C-alpha atoms as a PDB file:
ATOM      1  CA  MET A   1      -0.202   0.059   0.102  1.00  0.00           C
ATOM      2  CA  ASN A   2       2.853   2.299  -0.053  1.00  0.00           C
ATOM      3  CA  HIS A   3       2.351   2.965  -3.501  1.00  0.00           C
ATOM      4  CA  LEU A   4      -0.674   5.017  -3.210  1.00  0.00           C
ATOM      5  CA  PRO A   5      -0.548   8.828  -3.098  1.00  0.00           C
ATOM      6  CA  ALA A   6      -0.925  10.581   0.072  1.00  0.00           C
ATOM      7  CA  ASP A   7      -4.475  12.073  -0.950  1.00  0.00           C
ATOM      8  CA  PHE A   8      -5.972   8.742  -1.911  1.00  0.00           C
ATOM      9  CA  VAL A   9      -9.531   8.200  -0.729  1.00  0.00           C
ATOM     10  CA  TRP A  10     -10.650   4.948   0.566  1.00  0.00           C
ATOM     11  CA  GLY A  11     -14.315   4.096   0.086  1.00  0.00           C
ATOM     12  CA  ALA A  12     -16.686   1.193   0.002  1.00  0.00           C
ATOM     13  CA  SER A  13     -20.076   0.257  -1.823  1.00  0.00           C
ATOM     14  CA  THR A  14     -22.905  -2.073  -1.584  1.00  0.00           C
ATOM     15  CA  ALA A  15     -26.017  -3.078  -2.986  1.00  0.00           C
ATOM     16  CA  SER A  16     -29.067  -2.141  -0.597  1.00  0.00           C
ATOM     17  CA  TYR A  17     -30.543  -5.791  -0.912  1.00  0.00           C
ATOM     18  CA  GLN A  18     -27.208  -7.077   0.311  1.00  0.00           C
ATOM     19  CA  VAL A  19     -27.228  -5.348   3.521  1.00  0.00           C
ATOM     20  CA  GLU A  20     -30.465  -3.502   4.338  1.00  0.00           C
ATOM     21  CA  GLY A  21     -32.763  -6.104   6.016  1.00  0.00           C
ATOM     22  CA  ALA A  22     -36.052  -4.495   7.441  1.00  0.00           C
ATOM     23  CA  THR A  23     -38.044  -5.967   4.896  1.00  0.00           C
ATOM     24  CA  ARG A  24     -41.201  -5.214   6.631  1.00  0.00           C
ATOM     25  CA  GLU A  25     -40.506  -1.854   8.465  1.00  0.00           C
ATOM     26  CA  ASP A  26     -41.278   1.728   8.104  1.00  0.00           C
ATOM     27  CA  GLY A  27     -43.458   1.149   4.969  1.00  0.00           C
ATOM     28  CA  ARG A  28     -40.911  -0.651   3.026  1.00  0.00           C
ATOM     29  CA  GLY A  29     -42.751  -2.572   0.224  1.00  0.00           C
ATOM     30  CA  PRO A  30     -41.062  -5.812  -1.369  1.00  0.00           C
ATOM     31  CA  SER A  31     -38.528  -5.154  -4.057  1.00  0.00           C
ATOM     32  CA  VAL A  32     -38.387  -7.039  -7.254  1.00  0.00           C
ATOM     33  CA  TRP A  33     -35.853  -9.693  -5.457  1.00  0.00           C
ATOM     34  CA  ASP A  34     -37.828 -10.028  -2.469  1.00  0.00           C
ATOM     35  CA  THR A  35     -40.681 -11.286  -4.689  1.00  0.00           C
ATOM     36  CA  PHE A  36     -38.425 -13.443  -6.510  1.00  0.00           C
ATOM     37  CA  THR A  37     -36.730 -14.889  -3.530  1.00  0.00           C
ATOM     38  CA  ALA A  38     -39.980 -15.441  -1.651  1.00  0.00           C
ATOM     39  CA  ARG A  39     -40.970 -18.205  -4.464  1.00  0.00           C
ATOM     40  CA  PRO A  40     -40.048 -21.682  -3.208  1.00  0.00           C
ATOM     41  CA  GLY A  41     -37.110 -23.121  -5.234  1.00  0.00           C
ATOM     42  CA  ALA A  42     -36.031 -19.819  -6.443  1.00  0.00           C
ATOM     43  CA  VAL A  43     -33.140 -19.345  -4.385  1.00  0.00           C
ATOM     44  CA  ARG A  44     -30.819 -22.043  -3.130  1.00  0.00           C
ATOM     45  CA  ASP A  45     -31.481 -23.064   0.496  1.00  0.00           C
ATOM     46  CA  GLY A  46     -34.510 -20.544   0.727  1.00  0.00           C
ATOM     47  CA  HIS A  47     -32.306 -17.520   1.207  1.00  0.00           C
ATOM     48  CA  THR A  48     -33.799 -14.152   1.296  1.00  0.00           C
ATOM     49  CA  GLY A  49     -32.929 -10.628   2.335  1.00  0.00           C
ATOM     50  CA  GLU A  50     -35.199 -10.162   5.247  1.00  0.00           C
ATOM     51  CA  VAL A  51     -32.362  -9.723   7.605  1.00  0.00           C
ATOM     52  CA  ALA A  52     -29.095  -9.438   5.305  1.00  0.00           C
ATOM     53  CA  CYS A  53     -26.566  -7.407   7.422  1.00  0.00           C
ATOM     54  CA  ASP A  54     -29.466  -5.552   9.076  1.00  0.00           C
ATOM     55  CA  HIS A  55     -27.746  -2.178   8.372  1.00  0.00           C
ATOM     56  CA  TYR A  56     -31.161  -0.852   9.104  1.00  0.00           C
ATOM     57  CA  HIS A  57     -30.706  -1.398  12.510  1.00  0.00           C
ATOM     58  CA  ARG A  58     -26.946  -1.590  12.727  1.00  0.00           C
ATOM     59  CA  TYR A  59     -26.105   1.374  10.838  1.00  0.00           C
ATOM     60  CA  GLU A  60     -24.555   3.044  13.669  1.00  0.00           C
ATOM     61  CA  GLN A  61     -22.094   0.220  14.417  1.00  0.00           C
ATOM     62  CA  ASP A  62     -21.471   0.126  10.412  1.00  0.00           C
ATOM     63  CA  LEU A  63     -20.330   3.776  10.455  1.00  0.00           C
ATOM     64  CA  ASP A  64     -17.989   3.023  13.403  1.00  0.00           C
ATOM     65  CA  LEU A  65     -16.651   0.121  11.704  1.00  0.00           C
ATOM     66  CA  MET A  66     -16.048   2.128   8.186  1.00  0.00           C
ATOM     67  CA  ALA A  67     -14.117   4.883  10.443  1.00  0.00           C
ATOM     68  CA  GLU A  68     -12.049   2.038  12.265  1.00  0.00           C
ATOM     69  CA  ALA A  69     -11.233   0.666   8.604  1.00  0.00           C
ATOM     70  CA  GLY A  70     -10.160   4.141   7.699  1.00  0.00           C
ATOM     71  CA  LEU A  71     -12.660   4.634   4.864  1.00  0.00           C
ATOM     72  CA  THR A  72     -12.942   8.374   3.905  1.00  0.00           C
ATOM     73  CA  GLY A  73     -14.741   8.450   0.734  1.00  0.00           C
END
């Protein structure tokens, strides 16, 4: 990592379906993928995004983790 410029900005990204969870809270309706994964046999082992990484409830902890990781972008 010594080869990066001093002003290099670290960042991260994700997709909402992978992290949000909270599929039935605060008026959130089902996404296309929620509907698809609810169909029996559509996804291996019946996994859905109902909980996911639960960023919806854990966003403050997630922000702390991002700061600890040195993400600045």
